[in-house]
Amino acid sequence: MKYDTWVTMEEIRPIGEIKYAAHAHIRDIGKGDVQHGLGESWGRTREEAESKMNVRIQEWLEANK
């Protein structure tokens, strides 16, 4: 595996029903953090925001094999 990935969560000031933001972290093993430009994924629940971000991470990993 070339990359290590994880998601951190943040409770944000509500925007309507949106209460959580997920942030992606990607590290190129042996080299350091990657500037991936994935931004934030928002959700009504922690699980929704994290799930959306995990999809974005998987798409990024596929594109950067």
C-alpha atoms as a PDB file:
ATOM      1  CA  MET A   1       0.000   0.000   0.000  1.00  0.00           C
ATOM      2  CA  LYS A   2       1.409   3.357  -1.021  1.00  0.00           C
ATOM      3  CA  TYR A   3      -0.943   5.612   0.976  1.00  0.00           C
ATOM      4  CA  ASP A   4      -2.236   5.730   4.529  1.00  0.00           C
ATOM      5  CA  THR A   5      -5.612   7.448   4.865  1.00  0.00           C
ATOM      6  CA  TRP A   6      -7.889   8.542   7.683  1.00  0.00           C
ATOM      7  CA  VAL A   7     -10.798  10.887   8.292  1.00  0.00           C
ATOM      8  CA  THR A   8     -11.214  13.388  11.118  1.00  0.00           C
ATOM      9  CA  MET A   9     -14.586  14.763  12.119  1.00  0.00           C
ATOM     10  CA  GLU A  10     -15.654  18.189  13.304  1.00  0.00           C
ATOM     11  CA  GLU A  11     -18.968  19.321  14.700  1.00  0.00           C
ATOM     12  CA  ILE A  12     -19.772  22.599  12.960  1.00  0.00           C
ATOM     13  CA  ARG A  13     -22.200  25.417  13.531  1.00  0.00           C
ATOM     14  CA  PRO A  14     -25.373  24.008  11.955  1.00  0.00           C
ATOM     15  CA  ILE A  15     -26.177  24.968   8.381  1.00  0.00           C
ATOM     16  CA  GLY A  16     -29.802  23.886   8.242  1.00  0.00           C
ATOM     17  CA  GLU A  17     -29.668  20.177   9.063  1.00  0.00           C
ATOM     18  CA  ILE A  18     -25.926  19.925   8.345  1.00  0.00           C
ATOM     19  CA  LYS A  19     -24.017  19.553  11.625  1.00  0.00           C
ATOM     20  CA  TYR A  20     -20.785  17.690  10.808  1.00  0.00           C
ATOM     21  CA  ALA A  21     -17.768  18.094   8.553  1.00  0.00           C
ATOM     22  CA  ALA A  22     -15.323  15.344   7.587  1.00  0.00           C
ATOM     23  CA  HIS A  23     -11.711  16.072   6.616  1.00  0.00           C
ATOM     24  CA  ALA A  24      -9.499  13.663   4.673  1.00  0.00           C
ATOM     25  CA  HIS A  25      -5.868  12.984   5.491  1.00  0.00           C
ATOM     26  CA  ILE A  26      -3.664  11.124   3.028  1.00  0.00           C
ATOM     27  CA  ARG A  27      -0.038  10.304   3.702  1.00  0.00           C
ATOM     28  CA  ASP A  28       2.335   8.919   1.094  1.00  0.00           C
ATOM     29  CA  ILE A  29       4.089   6.259   3.147  1.00  0.00           C
ATOM     30  CA  GLY A  30       7.747   7.123   3.516  1.00  0.00           C
ATOM     31  CA  LYS A  31       7.335  10.606   2.023  1.00  0.00           C
ATOM     32  CA  GLY A  32       4.777  12.571   4.035  1.00  0.00           C
ATOM     33  CA  ASP A  33       1.393  14.242   3.785  1.00  0.00           C
ATOM     34  CA  VAL A  34      -0.269  14.647   0.388  1.00  0.00           C
ATOM     35  CA  GLN A  35      -2.002  17.872  -0.670  1.00  0.00           C
ATOM     36  CA  HIS A  36      -5.079  16.192  -2.116  1.00  0.00           C
ATOM     37  CA  GLY A  37      -7.570  19.058  -2.416  1.00  0.00           C
ATOM     38  CA  LEU A  38     -10.558  16.986  -1.264  1.00  0.00           C
ATOM     39  CA  GLY A  39     -11.893  19.729   1.003  1.00  0.00           C
ATOM     40  CA  GLU A  40     -14.707  18.875   3.416  1.00  0.00           C
ATOM     41  CA  SER A  41     -17.705  16.585   3.215  1.00  0.00           C
ATOM     42  CA  TRP A  42     -20.740  17.683   5.200  1.00  0.00           C
ATOM     43  CA  GLY A  43     -23.509  15.620   6.716  1.00  0.00           C
ATOM     44  CA  ARG A  44     -26.477  15.632   9.048  1.00  0.00           C
ATOM     45  CA  THR A  45     -24.761  12.910  11.080  1.00  0.00           C
ATOM     46  CA  ARG A  46     -21.135  12.004  11.724  1.00  0.00           C
ATOM     47  CA  GLU A  47     -21.675   8.785   9.798  1.00  0.00           C
ATOM     48  CA  GLU A  48     -23.098  10.567   6.740  1.00  0.00           C
ATOM     49  CA  ALA A  49     -20.213  13.058   6.542  1.00  0.00           C
ATOM     50  CA  GLU A  50     -17.595  10.343   7.085  1.00  0.00           C
ATOM     51  CA  SER A  51     -19.177   8.056   4.495  1.00  0.00           C
ATOM     52  CA  LYS A  52     -19.187  10.820   1.877  1.00  0.00           C
ATOM     53  CA  MET A  53     -15.515  11.562   2.561  1.00  0.00           C
ATOM     54  CA  ASN A  54     -14.559   7.886   2.388  1.00  0.00           C
ATOM     55  CA  VAL A  55     -16.089   7.738  -1.108  1.00  0.00           C
ATOM     56  CA  ARG A  56     -14.043  10.784  -2.151  1.00  0.00           C
ATOM     57  CA  ILE A  57     -10.871   9.225  -0.721  1.00  0.00           C
ATOM     58  CA  GLN A  58     -11.468   5.951  -2.583  1.00  0.00           C
ATOM     59  CA  GLU A  59     -12.023   7.844  -5.835  1.00  0.00           C
ATOM     60  CA  TRP A  60      -8.810   9.825  -5.238  1.00  0.00           C
ATOM     61  CA  LEU A  61      -6.856   6.624  -4.514  1.00  0.00           C
ATOM     62  CA  GLU A  62      -8.162   5.010  -7.724  1.00  0.00           C
ATOM     63  CA  ALA A  63      -7.121   8.039  -9.758  1.00  0.00           C
ATOM     64  CA  ASN A  64      -3.649   8.156  -8.149  1.00  0.00           C
ATOM     65  CA  LYS A  65      -2.550   4.519  -8.313  1.00  0.00           C
END
